[in-house]
Structure formats: C-alpha cells, structure tokens
C-alpha cells in the first residue's frame, strides 16, 4: 500500500493472496478469520482494543482508526468483500471539542 507515504497511517498488515479450489482466491491480512469475535453486545472500546492488540486490521490510521480490507475473487470477478472502518475509541466526539479537530494538522 502506498498510504505510508501520505502520513495518514502508522501501521499496516501487508495483504496476502490465498488460493482456493475452483479458481477462487482471497486478498486479505493475516488472522482475518478471527474478526468474527466482534460481538455487537460488547462495548465498542473493548472491540477496538481487541482488534488493535491482535492486529486484526489491514491499516491503522494515525488517529487510531482501523481499516479492514478483504476481497474474494473467482477468476477475475469480485464475488465477496469486506470493507470496514473502526473509528478510534480514544477520539473525543466532535461536538465535545471541535477546536481540537481544527488545531490538529492531520485533521485538516
């Protein structure tokens, strides 16, 4: 990924290609099978911490946000995908402190 050069990410799990029978292949990150542990009844900050600690993401943004990018192809046709973004659980809501978002150059 070329996102490192932009300065908006500080960690990434390099994608890998996994081939399956019937000309099916995946583009995913290591351990992405474990993302099912995220249960809606669990507190969001706990979910985010589990994802971060276990590196269950494709990219970690400098603000702590996590991206998950997973693709499945059959031959050259995209047949399934997961594109997920987990907002950092450490950020203050914009309504509580809007000035901090405008003072930080990464948010500009």
PDB file of N, CA and C in Angstrom:
ATOM      1  N   UNK A   1       0.835  -1.187   0.000  1.00  0.00           N
ATOM      2  CA  UNK A   1       0.000   0.000   0.000  1.00  0.00           C
ATOM      3  C   UNK A   1       0.872   1.241   0.000  1.00  0.00           C
ATOM      4  N   UNK A   2       0.401   2.234  -0.649  1.00  0.00           N
ATOM      5  CA  UNK A   2       1.164   3.473  -0.744  1.00  0.00           C
ATOM      6  C   UNK A   2       0.700   4.502   0.281  1.00  0.00           C
ATOM      7  N   UNK A   3      -0.110   4.096   1.244  1.00  0.00           N
ATOM      8  CA  UNK A   3      -0.634   5.046   2.223  1.00  0.00           C
ATOM      9  C   UNK A   3       0.407   5.553   3.203  1.00  0.00           C
ATOM     10  N   UNK A   4       1.470   4.781   3.453  1.00  0.00           N
ATOM     11  CA  UNK A   4       2.507   5.238   4.376  1.00  0.00           C
ATOM     12  C   UNK A   4       3.079   6.580   3.942  1.00  0.00           C
ATOM     13  N   UNK A   5       3.292   6.758   2.666  1.00  0.00           N
ATOM     14  CA  UNK A   5       3.861   7.991   2.149  1.00  0.00           C
ATOM     15  C   UNK A   5       2.983   9.208   2.368  1.00  0.00           C
ATOM     16  N   UNK A   6       1.695   9.002   2.580  1.00  0.00           N
ATOM     17  CA  UNK A   6       0.780  10.120   2.790  1.00  0.00           C
ATOM     18  C   UNK A   6       0.824  10.645   4.214  1.00  0.00           C
ATOM     19  N   UNK A   7       1.337   9.837   5.153  1.00  0.00           N
ATOM     20  CA  UNK A   7       1.399  10.259   6.547  1.00  0.00           C
ATOM     21  C   UNK A   7       0.108  10.052   7.311  1.00  0.00           C
ATOM     22  N   UNK A   8      -0.861   9.346   6.741  1.00  0.00           N
ATOM     23  CA  UNK A   8      -2.127   9.154   7.457  1.00  0.00           C
ATOM     24  C   UNK A   8      -2.221   7.796   8.143  1.00  0.00           C
ATOM     25  N   UNK A   9      -1.233   6.912   7.925  1.00  0.00           N
ATOM     26  CA  UNK A   9      -1.234   5.633   8.620  1.00  0.00           C
ATOM     27  C   UNK A   9       0.114   5.429   9.315  1.00  0.00           C
ATOM     28  N   UNK A  10       0.082   4.617  10.372  1.00  0.00           N
ATOM     29  CA  UNK A  10       1.337   4.332  11.054  1.00  0.00           C
ATOM     30  C   UNK A  10       1.593   2.838  11.233  1.00  0.00           C
ATOM     31  N   UNK A  11       0.701   1.990  10.710  1.00  0.00           N
ATOM     32  CA  UNK A  11       0.934   0.555  10.742  1.00  0.00           C
ATOM     33  C   UNK A  11       0.055  -0.109   9.693  1.00  0.00           C
ATOM     34  N   UNK A  12       0.530  -1.225   9.167  1.00  0.00           N
ATOM     35  CA  UNK A  12      -0.276  -1.979   8.217  1.00  0.00           C
ATOM     36  C   UNK A  12       0.095  -3.453   8.265  1.00  0.00           C
ATOM     37  N   UNK A  13      -0.859  -4.284   7.944  1.00  0.00           N
ATOM     38  CA  UNK A  13      -0.624  -5.701   7.723  1.00  0.00           C
ATOM     39  C   UNK A  13      -0.625  -5.883   6.217  1.00  0.00           C
ATOM     40  N   UNK A  14       0.492  -6.263   5.687  1.00  0.00           N
ATOM     41  CA  UNK A  14       0.585  -6.394   4.243  1.00  0.00           C
ATOM     42  C   UNK A  14      -0.379  -7.460   3.756  1.00  0.00           C
ATOM     43  N   UNK A  15      -1.072  -7.204   2.663  1.00  0.00           N
ATOM     44  CA  UNK A  15      -2.039  -8.181   2.164  1.00  0.00           C
ATOM     45  C   UNK A  15      -1.335  -9.429   1.641  1.00  0.00           C
ATOM     46  N   UNK A  16      -2.048 -10.535   1.729  1.00  0.00           N
ATOM     47  CA  UNK A  16      -1.534 -11.775   1.164  1.00  0.00           C
ATOM     48  C   UNK A  16      -2.612 -12.376   0.273  1.00  0.00           C
ATOM     49  N   UNK A  17      -2.187 -13.174  -0.675  1.00  0.00           N
ATOM     50  CA  UNK A  17      -3.107 -13.847  -1.590  1.00  0.00           C
ATOM     51  C   UNK A  17      -3.169 -15.312  -1.190  1.00  0.00           C
ATOM     52  N   UNK A  18      -4.392 -15.799  -1.024  1.00  0.00           N
ATOM     53  CA  UNK A  18      -4.617 -17.195  -0.680  1.00  0.00           C
ATOM     54  C   UNK A  18      -5.470 -17.810  -1.778  1.00  0.00           C
ATOM     55  N   UNK A  19      -4.981 -18.863  -2.367  1.00  0.00           N
ATOM     56  CA  UNK A  19      -5.686 -19.532  -3.468  1.00  0.00           C
ATOM     57  C   UNK A  19      -6.496 -20.715  -2.935  1.00  0.00           C
ATOM     58  N   UNK A  20      -7.699 -20.889  -3.516  1.00  0.00           N
ATOM     59  CA  UNK A  20      -8.614 -21.966  -3.163  1.00  0.00           C
ATOM     60  C   UNK A  20      -8.988 -22.735  -4.433  1.00  0.00           C
ATOM     61  N   UNK A  21      -9.650 -23.884  -4.283  1.00  0.00           N
ATOM     62  CA  UNK A  21     -10.119 -24.600  -5.483  1.00  0.00           C
ATOM     63  C   UNK A  21     -11.148 -23.772  -6.269  1.00  0.00           C
ATOM     64  N   UNK A  22     -11.419 -24.190  -7.482  1.00  0.00           N
ATOM     65  CA  UNK A  22     -12.405 -23.565  -8.368  1.00  0.00           C
ATOM     66  C   UNK A  22     -12.032 -22.134  -8.739  1.00  0.00           C
ATOM     67  N   UNK A  23     -10.761 -21.869  -8.881  1.00  0.00           N
ATOM     68  CA  UNK A  23     -10.264 -20.549  -9.303  1.00  0.00           C
ATOM     69  C   UNK A  23     -10.682 -19.423  -8.368  1.00  0.00           C
ATOM     70  N   UNK A  24     -10.835 -19.732  -7.098  1.00  0.00           N
ATOM     71  CA  UNK A  24     -11.182 -18.713  -6.097  1.00  0.00           C
ATOM     72  C   UNK A  24      -9.910 -18.316  -5.366  1.00  0.00           C
ATOM     73  N   UNK A  25      -9.756 -17.016  -5.144  1.00  0.00           N
ATOM     74  CA  UNK A  25      -8.599 -16.519  -4.411  1.00  0.00           C
ATOM     75  C   UNK A  25      -8.979 -15.305  -3.580  1.00  0.00           C
ATOM     76  N   UNK A  26      -8.317 -15.193  -2.436  1.00  0.00           N
ATOM     77  CA  UNK A  26      -8.583 -14.110  -1.491  1.00  0.00           C
ATOM     78  C   UNK A  26      -7.400 -13.168  -1.416  1.00  0.00           C
ATOM     79  N   UNK A  27      -7.699 -11.911  -1.181  1.00  0.00           N
ATOM     80  CA  UNK A  27      -6.700 -10.912  -0.816  1.00  0.00           C
ATOM     81  C   UNK A  27      -7.105 -10.465   0.580  1.00  0.00           C
ATOM     82  N   UNK A  28      -6.227 -10.750   1.565  1.00  0.00           N
ATOM     83  CA  UNK A  28      -6.595 -10.491   2.954  1.00  0.00           C
ATOM     84  C   UNK A  28      -5.352 -10.293   3.807  1.00  0.00           C
ATOM     85  N   UNK A  29      -5.560  -9.988   5.086  1.00  0.00           N
ATOM     86  CA  UNK A  29      -4.455  -9.844   6.028  1.00  0.00           C
ATOM     87  C   UNK A  29      -4.424 -11.067   6.946  1.00  0.00           C
ATOM     88  N   UNK A  30      -3.294 -11.299   7.585  1.00  0.00           N
ATOM     89  CA  UNK A  30      -3.164 -12.438   8.496  1.00  0.00           C
ATOM     90  C   UNK A  30      -4.206 -12.384   9.604  1.00  0.00           C
ATOM     91  N   UNK A  31      -4.736 -13.522   9.945  1.00  0.00           N
ATOM     92  CA  UNK A  31      -5.677 -13.712  11.051  1.00  0.00           C
ATOM     93  C   UNK A  31      -7.016 -13.030  10.832  1.00  0.00           C
ATOM     94  N   UNK A  32      -7.363 -12.686   9.619  1.00  0.00           N
ATOM     95  CA  UNK A  32      -8.639 -12.000   9.399  1.00  0.00           C
ATOM     96  C   UNK A  32      -9.831 -12.911   9.693  1.00  0.00           C
ATOM     97  N   UNK A  33      -9.602 -14.211   9.769  1.00  0.00           N
ATOM     98  CA  UNK A  33     -10.682 -15.141  10.103  1.00  0.00           C
ATOM     99  C   UNK A  33     -11.200 -14.896  11.515  1.00  0.00           C
ATOM    100  N   UNK A  34     -10.395 -14.269  12.357  1.00  0.00           N
ATOM    101  CA  UNK A  34     -10.758 -14.059  13.756  1.00  0.00           C
ATOM    102  C   UNK A  34     -11.606 -12.812  13.990  1.00  0.00           C
ATOM    103  N   UNK A  35     -11.946 -12.078  12.969  1.00  0.00           N
ATOM    104  CA  UNK A  35     -12.698 -10.841  13.188  1.00  0.00           C
ATOM    105  C   UNK A  35     -14.142 -11.100  13.586  1.00  0.00           C
ATOM    106  N   UNK A  36     -14.593 -12.340  13.473  1.00  0.00           N
ATOM    107  CA  UNK A  36     -15.955 -12.676  13.882  1.00  0.00           C
ATOM    108  C   UNK A  36     -16.149 -12.540  15.387  1.00  0.00           C
ATOM    109  N   UNK A  37     -15.061 -12.406  16.145  1.00  0.00           N
ATOM    110  CA  UNK A  37     -15.187 -12.266  17.586  1.00  0.00           C
ATOM    111  C   UNK A  37     -15.864 -10.964  17.985  1.00  0.00           C
ATOM    112  N   UNK A  38     -15.979 -10.042  17.063  1.00  0.00           N
ATOM    113  CA  UNK A  38     -16.591  -8.756  17.373  1.00  0.00           C
ATOM    114  C   UNK A  38     -18.099  -8.943  17.502  1.00  0.00           C
ATOM    115  N   UNK A  39     -18.566  -8.841  18.720  1.00  0.00           N
ATOM    116  CA  UNK A  39     -19.982  -9.072  19.017  1.00  0.00           C
ATOM    117  C   UNK A  39     -20.632  -7.733  19.334  1.00  0.00           C
ATOM    118  N   UNK A  40     -21.823  -7.514  18.780  1.00  0.00           N
ATOM    119  CA  UNK A  40     -22.481  -6.212  18.915  1.00  0.00           C
ATOM    120  C   UNK A  40     -22.786  -5.842  20.365  1.00  0.00           C
ATOM    121  N   UNK A  41     -22.911  -6.809  21.260  1.00  0.00           N
ATOM    122  CA  UNK A  41     -23.231  -6.508  22.653  1.00  0.00           C
ATOM    123  C   UNK A  41     -21.999  -6.117  23.464  1.00  0.00           C
ATOM    124  N   UNK A  42     -20.818  -6.257  22.880  1.00  0.00           N
ATOM    125  CA  UNK A  42     -19.584  -5.893  23.562  1.00  0.00           C
ATOM    126  C   UNK A  42     -19.362  -4.391  23.434  1.00  0.00           C
ATOM    127  N   UNK A  43     -18.831  -3.765  24.475  1.00  0.00           N
ATOM    128  CA  UNK A  43     -18.543  -2.340  24.455  1.00  0.00           C
ATOM    129  C   UNK A  43     -17.581  -2.011  23.310  1.00  0.00           C
ATOM    130  N   UNK A  44     -17.849  -0.938  22.582  1.00  0.00           N
ATOM    131  CA  UNK A  44     -17.051  -0.593  21.404  1.00  0.00           C
ATOM    132  C   UNK A  44     -15.575  -0.413  21.741  1.00  0.00           C
ATOM    133  N   UNK A  45     -15.262   0.198  22.867  1.00  0.00           N
ATOM    134  CA  UNK A  45     -13.855   0.407  23.212  1.00  0.00           C
ATOM    135  C   UNK A  45     -13.133  -0.923  23.420  1.00  0.00           C
ATOM    136  N   UNK A  46     -13.839  -1.942  23.926  1.00  0.00           N
ATOM    137  CA  UNK A  46     -13.255  -3.277  24.096  1.00  0.00           C
ATOM    138  C   UNK A  46     -13.018  -3.921  22.734  1.00  0.00           C
ATOM    139  N   UNK A  47     -13.992  -3.816  21.849  1.00  0.00           N
ATOM    140  CA  UNK A  47     -13.859  -4.347  20.488  1.00  0.00           C
ATOM    141  C   UNK A  47     -12.654  -3.720  19.796  1.00  0.00           C
ATOM    142  N   UNK A  48     -12.564  -2.400  19.864  1.00  0.00           N
ATOM    143  CA  UNK A  48     -11.470  -1.688  19.210  1.00  0.00           C
ATOM    144  C   UNK A  48     -10.123  -2.130  19.780  1.00  0.00           C
ATOM    145  N   UNK A  49     -10.046  -2.284  21.084  1.00  0.00           N
ATOM    146  CA  UNK A  49      -8.799  -2.695  21.733  1.00  0.00           C
ATOM    147  C   UNK A  49      -8.397  -4.107  21.297  1.00  0.00           C
ATOM    148  N   UNK A  50      -9.351  -5.027  21.212  1.00  0.00           N
ATOM    149  CA  UNK A  50      -9.069  -6.398  20.760  1.00  0.00           C
ATOM    150  C   UNK A  50      -8.547  -6.389  19.328  1.00  0.00           C
ATOM    151  N   UNK A  51      -9.219  -5.643  18.465  1.00  0.00           N
ATOM    152  CA  UNK A  51      -8.786  -5.560  17.066  1.00  0.00           C
ATOM    153  C   UNK A  51      -7.377  -4.985  16.968  1.00  0.00           C
ATOM    154  N   UNK A  52      -7.118  -3.924  17.729  1.00  0.00           N
ATOM    155  CA  UNK A  52      -5.806  -3.270  17.683  1.00  0.00           C
ATOM    156  C   UNK A  52      -4.709  -4.169  18.261  1.00  0.00           C
ATOM    157  N   UNK A  53      -4.952  -4.741  19.441  1.00  0.00           N
ATOM    158  CA  UNK A  53      -3.936  -5.557  20.102  1.00  0.00           C
ATOM    159  C   UNK A  53      -3.562  -6.801  19.300  1.00  0.00           C
ATOM    160  N   UNK A  54      -4.541  -7.379  18.601  1.00  0.00           N
ATOM    161  CA  UNK A  54      -4.298  -8.596  17.831  1.00  0.00           C
ATOM    162  C   UNK A  54      -3.980  -8.319  16.360  1.00  0.00           C
ATOM    163  N   UNK A  55      -3.933  -7.037  16.005  1.00  0.00           N
ATOM    164  CA  UNK A  55      -3.629  -6.604  14.632  1.00  0.00           C
ATOM    165  C   UNK A  55      -4.614  -7.191  13.626  1.00  0.00           C
ATOM    166  N   UNK A  56      -5.903  -7.178  13.981  1.00  0.00           N
ATOM    167  CA  UNK A  56      -6.956  -7.641  13.092  1.00  0.00           C
ATOM    168  C   UNK A  56      -7.389  -6.482  12.196  1.00  0.00           C
ATOM    169  N   UNK A  57      -6.457  -5.958  11.443  1.00  0.00           N
ATOM    170  CA  UNK A  57      -6.748  -4.843  10.537  1.00  0.00           C
ATOM    171  C   UNK A  57      -5.778  -4.881   9.376  1.00  0.00           C
ATOM    172  N   UNK A  58      -6.163  -4.194   8.324  1.00  0.00           N
ATOM    173  CA  UNK A  58      -5.265  -4.018   7.183  1.00  0.00           C
ATOM    174  C   UNK A  58      -4.373  -2.819   7.416  1.00  0.00           C
ATOM    175  N   UNK A  59      -4.977  -1.743   7.936  1.00  0.00           N
ATOM    176  CA  UNK A  59      -4.261  -0.482   8.128  1.00  0.00           C
ATOM    177  C   UNK A  59      -4.709   0.159   9.433  1.00  0.00           C
ATOM    178  N   UNK A  60      -3.733   0.718  10.183  1.00  0.00           N
ATOM    179  CA  UNK A  60      -4.043   1.516  11.375  1.00  0.00           C
ATOM    180  C   UNK A  60      -3.712   2.965  11.064  1.00  0.00           C
ATOM    181  N   UNK A  61      -4.693   3.818  11.188  1.00  0.00           N
ATOM    182  CA  UNK A  61      -4.538   5.239  10.900  1.00  0.00           C
ATOM    183  C   UNK A  61      -3.826   5.928  12.076  1.00  0.00           C
ATOM    184  N   UNK A  62      -3.247   7.103  11.822  1.00  0.00           N
ATOM    185  CA  UNK A  62      -2.522   7.808  12.883  1.00  0.00           C
ATOM    186  C   UNK A  62      -3.434   8.246  14.024  1.00  0.00           C
ATOM    187  N   UNK A  63      -4.734   8.394  13.752  1.00  0.00           N
ATOM    188  CA  UNK A  63      -5.666   8.772  14.812  1.00  0.00           C
ATOM    189  C   UNK A  63      -6.190   7.566  15.578  1.00  0.00           C
ATOM    190  N   UNK A  64      -5.726   6.345  15.220  1.00  0.00           N
ATOM    191  CA  UNK A  64      -6.158   5.133  15.896  1.00  0.00           C
ATOM    192  C   UNK A  64      -7.261   4.381  15.181  1.00  0.00           C
ATOM    193  N   UNK A  65      -7.818   4.958  14.120  1.00  0.00           N
ATOM    194  CA  UNK A  65      -8.839   4.265  13.342  1.00  0.00           C
ATOM    195  C   UNK A  65      -8.252   3.042  12.652  1.00  0.00           C
ATOM    196  N   UNK A  66      -9.077   2.022  12.458  1.00  0.00           N
ATOM    197  CA  UNK A  66      -8.635   0.769  11.852  1.00  0.00           C
ATOM    198  C   UNK A  66      -9.441   0.475  10.592  1.00  0.00           C
ATOM    199  N   UNK A  67      -8.748   0.076   9.535  1.00  0.00           N
ATOM    200  CA  UNK A  67      -9.399  -0.327   8.286  1.00  0.00           C
ATOM    201  C   UNK A  67      -9.208  -1.821   8.086  1.00  0.00           C
ATOM    202  N   UNK A  68     -10.278  -2.487   7.659  1.00  0.00           N
ATOM    203  CA  UNK A  68     -10.194  -3.888   7.271  1.00  0.00           C
ATOM    204  C   UNK A  68     -10.598  -3.991   5.797  1.00  0.00           C
ATOM    205  N   UNK A  69      -9.708  -4.536   4.984  1.00  0.00           N
ATOM    206  CA  UNK A  69      -9.946  -4.687   3.552  1.00  0.00           C
ATOM    207  C   UNK A  69      -9.731  -6.154   3.190  1.00  0.00           C
ATOM    208  N   UNK A  70     -10.803  -6.841   2.808  1.00  0.00           N
ATOM    209  CA  UNK A  70     -10.731  -8.258   2.467  1.00  0.00           C
ATOM    210  C   UNK A  70     -11.536  -8.454   1.173  1.00  0.00           C
ATOM    211  N   UNK A  71     -10.927  -9.160   0.219  1.00  0.00           N
ATOM    212  CA  UNK A  71     -11.573  -9.389  -1.075  1.00  0.00           C
ATOM    213  C   UNK A  71     -11.519 -10.859  -1.443  1.00  0.00           C
ATOM    214  N   UNK A  72     -12.568 -11.352  -2.106  1.00  0.00           N
ATOM    215  CA  UNK A  72     -12.576 -12.707  -2.661  1.00  0.00           C
ATOM    216  C   UNK A  72     -12.961 -12.606  -4.134  1.00  0.00           C
ATOM    217  N   UNK A  73     -12.159 -13.266  -4.951  1.00  0.00           N
ATOM    218  CA  UNK A  73     -12.367 -13.281  -6.390  1.00  0.00           C
ATOM    219  C   UNK A  73     -12.590 -14.704  -6.875  1.00  0.00           C
ATOM    220  N   UNK A  74     -13.365 -14.824  -7.934  1.00  0.00           N
ATOM    221  CA  UNK A  74     -13.414 -16.084  -8.687  1.00  0.00           C
ATOM    222  C   UNK A  74     -12.990 -15.729 -10.090  1.00  0.00           C
ATOM    223  N   UNK A  75     -11.868 -16.311 -10.474  1.00  0.00           N
ATOM    224  CA  UNK A  75     -11.135 -15.899 -11.667  1.00  0.00           C
ATOM    225  C   UNK A  75     -10.812 -14.413 -11.514  1.00  0.00           C
ATOM    226  N   UNK A  76     -11.339 -13.569 -12.335  1.00  0.00           N
ATOM    227  CA  UNK A  76     -11.063 -12.128 -12.209  1.00  0.00           C
ATOM    228  C   UNK A  76     -12.294 -11.324 -11.800  1.00  0.00           C
ATOM    229  N   UNK A  77     -13.282 -11.996 -11.218  1.00  0.00           N
ATOM    230  CA  UNK A  77     -14.516 -11.329 -10.813  1.00  0.00           C
ATOM    231  C   UNK A  77     -14.596 -11.249  -9.293  1.00  0.00           C
ATOM    232  N   UNK A  78     -14.829 -10.056  -8.787  1.00  0.00           N
ATOM    233  CA  UNK A  78     -15.003  -9.868  -7.345  1.00  0.00           C
ATOM    234  C   UNK A  78     -16.329 -10.501  -6.944  1.00  0.00           C
ATOM    235  N   UNK A  79     -16.292 -11.472  -6.027  1.00  0.00           N
ATOM    236  CA  UNK A  79     -17.525 -12.145  -5.616  1.00  0.00           C
ATOM    237  C   UNK A  79     -17.899 -11.859  -4.158  1.00  0.00           C
ATOM    238  N   UNK A  80     -16.959 -11.335  -3.381  1.00  0.00           N
ATOM    239  CA  UNK A  80     -17.235 -11.040  -1.978  1.00  0.00           C
ATOM    240  C   UNK A  80     -16.206 -10.032  -1.482  1.00  0.00           C
ATOM    241  N   UNK A  81     -16.625  -9.202  -0.532  1.00  0.00           N
ATOM    242  CA  UNK A  81     -15.665  -8.257   0.035  1.00  0.00           C
ATOM    243  C   UNK A  81     -16.103  -7.822   1.429  1.00  0.00           C
ATOM    244  N   UNK A  82     -15.140  -7.335   2.172  1.00  0.00           N
ATOM    245  CA  UNK A  82     -15.399  -6.712   3.477  1.00  0.00           C
ATOM    246  C   UNK A  82     -14.543  -5.453   3.519  1.00  0.00           C
ATOM    247  N   UNK A  83     -15.212  -4.342   3.651  1.00  0.00           N
ATOM    248  CA  UNK A  83     -14.549  -3.051   3.800  1.00  0.00           C
ATOM    249  C   UNK A  83     -15.118  -2.444   5.076  1.00  0.00           C
ATOM    250  N   UNK A  84     -14.303  -2.399   6.116  1.00  0.00           N
ATOM    251  CA  UNK A  84     -14.793  -1.929   7.411  1.00  0.00           C
ATOM    252  C   UNK A  84     -13.861  -0.869   7.965  1.00  0.00           C
ATOM    253  N   UNK A  85     -14.461   0.095   8.654  1.00  0.00           N
ATOM    254  CA  UNK A  85     -13.689   1.136   9.325  1.00  0.00           C
ATOM    255  C   UNK A  85     -14.144   1.196  10.774  1.00  0.00           C
ATOM    256  N   UNK A  86     -13.195   1.114  11.685  1.00  0.00           N
ATOM    257  CA  UNK A  86     -13.460   1.238  13.114  1.00  0.00           C
ATOM    258  C   UNK A  86     -12.850   2.546  13.591  1.00  0.00           C
ATOM    259  N   UNK A  87     -13.682   3.491  13.903  1.00  0.00           N
ATOM    260  CA  UNK A  87     -13.254   4.785  14.427  1.00  0.00           C
ATOM    261  C   UNK A  87     -12.500   4.575  15.732  1.00  0.00           C
ATOM    262  N   UNK A  88     -11.473   5.358  15.947  1.00  0.00           N
ATOM    263  CA  UNK A  88     -10.711   5.253  17.193  1.00  0.00           C
ATOM    264  C   UNK A  88     -11.627   5.470  18.385  1.00  0.00           C
ATOM    265  N   UNK A  89     -11.485   4.614  19.371  1.00  0.00           N
ATOM    266  CA  UNK A  89     -12.300   4.757  20.578  1.00  0.00           C
ATOM    267  C   UNK A  89     -11.729   5.825  21.504  1.00  0.00           C
ATOM    268  N   UNK A  90     -10.562   6.371  21.173  1.00  0.00           N
ATOM    269  CA  UNK A  90      -9.905   7.371  22.017  1.00  0.00           C
ATOM    270  C   UNK A  90     -10.222   8.808  21.605  1.00  0.00           C
ATOM    271  N   UNK A  91     -10.828   8.995  20.459  1.00  0.00           N
ATOM    272  CA  UNK A  91     -11.113  10.356  19.993  1.00  0.00           C
ATOM    273  C   UNK A  91     -12.331  10.936  20.704  1.00  0.00           C
ATOM    274  N   UNK A  92     -12.224  12.186  21.059  1.00  0.00           N
ATOM    275  CA  UNK A  92     -13.378  12.879  21.618  1.00  0.00           C
ATOM    276  C   UNK A  92     -14.385  13.132  20.502  1.00  0.00           C
ATOM    277  N   UNK A  93     -15.654  13.020  20.798  1.00  0.00           N
ATOM    278  CA  UNK A  93     -16.639  13.385  19.774  1.00  0.00           C
ATOM    279  C   UNK A  93     -16.468  14.842  19.355  1.00  0.00           C
ATOM    280  N   UNK A  94     -16.671  15.106  18.095  1.00  0.00           N
ATOM    281  CA  UNK A  94     -16.506  16.440  17.534  1.00  0.00           C
ATOM    282  C   UNK A  94     -17.339  17.465  18.304  1.00  0.00           C
ATOM    283  N   UNK A  95     -18.551  17.071  18.719  1.00  0.00           N
ATOM    284  CA  UNK A  95     -19.434  18.002  19.428  1.00  0.00           C
ATOM    285  C   UNK A  95     -18.850  18.447  20.763  1.00  0.00           C
ATOM    286  N   UNK A  96     -18.040  17.590  21.409  1.00  0.00           N
ATOM    287  CA  UNK A  96     -17.487  17.930  22.715  1.00  0.00           C
ATOM    288  C   UNK A  96     -16.305  18.883  22.646  1.00  0.00           C
ATOM    289  N   UNK A  97     -15.506  18.791  21.571  1.00  0.00           N
ATOM    290  CA  UNK A  97     -14.314  19.621  21.476  1.00  0.00           C
ATOM    291  C   UNK A  97     -13.957  19.874  20.009  1.00  0.00           C
ATOM    292  N   UNK A  98     -14.751  20.677  19.298  1.00  0.00           N
ATOM    293  CA  UNK A  98     -14.488  20.886  17.879  1.00  0.00           C
ATOM    294  C   UNK A  98     -13.153  21.591  17.603  1.00  0.00           C
ATOM    295  N   UNK A  99     -12.682  22.412  18.534  1.00  0.00           N
ATOM    296  CA  UNK A  99     -11.434  23.146  18.316  1.00  0.00           C
ATOM    297  C   UNK A  99     -10.250  22.201  18.146  1.00  0.00           C
ATOM    298  N   UNK A 100     -10.227  21.091  18.868  1.00  0.00           N
ATOM    299  CA  UNK A 100      -9.094  20.176  18.782  1.00  0.00           C
ATOM    300  C   UNK A 100      -8.973  19.564  17.386  1.00  0.00           C
ATOM    301  N   UNK A 101     -10.087  19.417  16.689  1.00  0.00           N
ATOM    302  CA  UNK A 101     -10.037  18.860  15.339  1.00  0.00           C
ATOM    303  C   UNK A 101      -9.484  19.877  14.336  1.00  0.00           C
ATOM    304  N   UNK A 102      -9.737  21.141  14.561  1.00  0.00           N
ATOM    305  CA  UNK A 102      -9.261  22.159  13.636  1.00  0.00           C
ATOM    306  C   UNK A 102      -7.819  22.583  13.928  1.00  0.00           C
ATOM    307  N   UNK A 103      -7.365  22.359  15.142  1.00  0.00           N
ATOM    308  CA  UNK A 103      -5.991  22.723  15.510  1.00  0.00           C
ATOM    309  C   UNK A 103      -4.983  21.652  15.114  1.00  0.00           C
ATOM    310  N   UNK A 104      -5.418  20.423  14.956  1.00  0.00           N
ATOM    311  CA  UNK A 104      -4.527  19.316  14.601  1.00  0.00           C
ATOM    312  C   UNK A 104      -4.392  19.269  13.098  1.00  0.00           C
ATOM    313  N   UNK A 105      -3.167  19.416  12.600  1.00  0.00           N
ATOM    314  CA  UNK A 105      -2.951  19.480  11.144  1.00  0.00           C
ATOM    315  C   UNK A 105      -3.335  18.183  10.447  1.00  0.00           C
ATOM    316  N   UNK A 106      -3.329  17.030  11.140  1.00  0.00           N
ATOM    317  CA  UNK A 106      -3.703  15.779  10.488  1.00  0.00           C
ATOM    318  C   UNK A 106      -5.177  15.727  10.147  1.00  0.00           C
ATOM    319  N   UNK A 107      -6.000  16.529  10.848  1.00  0.00           N
ATOM    320  CA  UNK A 107      -7.415  16.546  10.547  1.00  0.00           C
ATOM    321  C   UNK A 107      -7.754  17.577   9.479  1.00  0.00           C
ATOM    322  N   UNK A 108      -6.821  18.452   9.178  1.00  0.00           N
ATOM    323  CA  UNK A 108      -7.069  19.439   8.136  1.00  0.00           C
ATOM    324  C   UNK A 108      -6.894  18.764   6.817  1.00  0.00           C
TER     325      UNK A 108
END
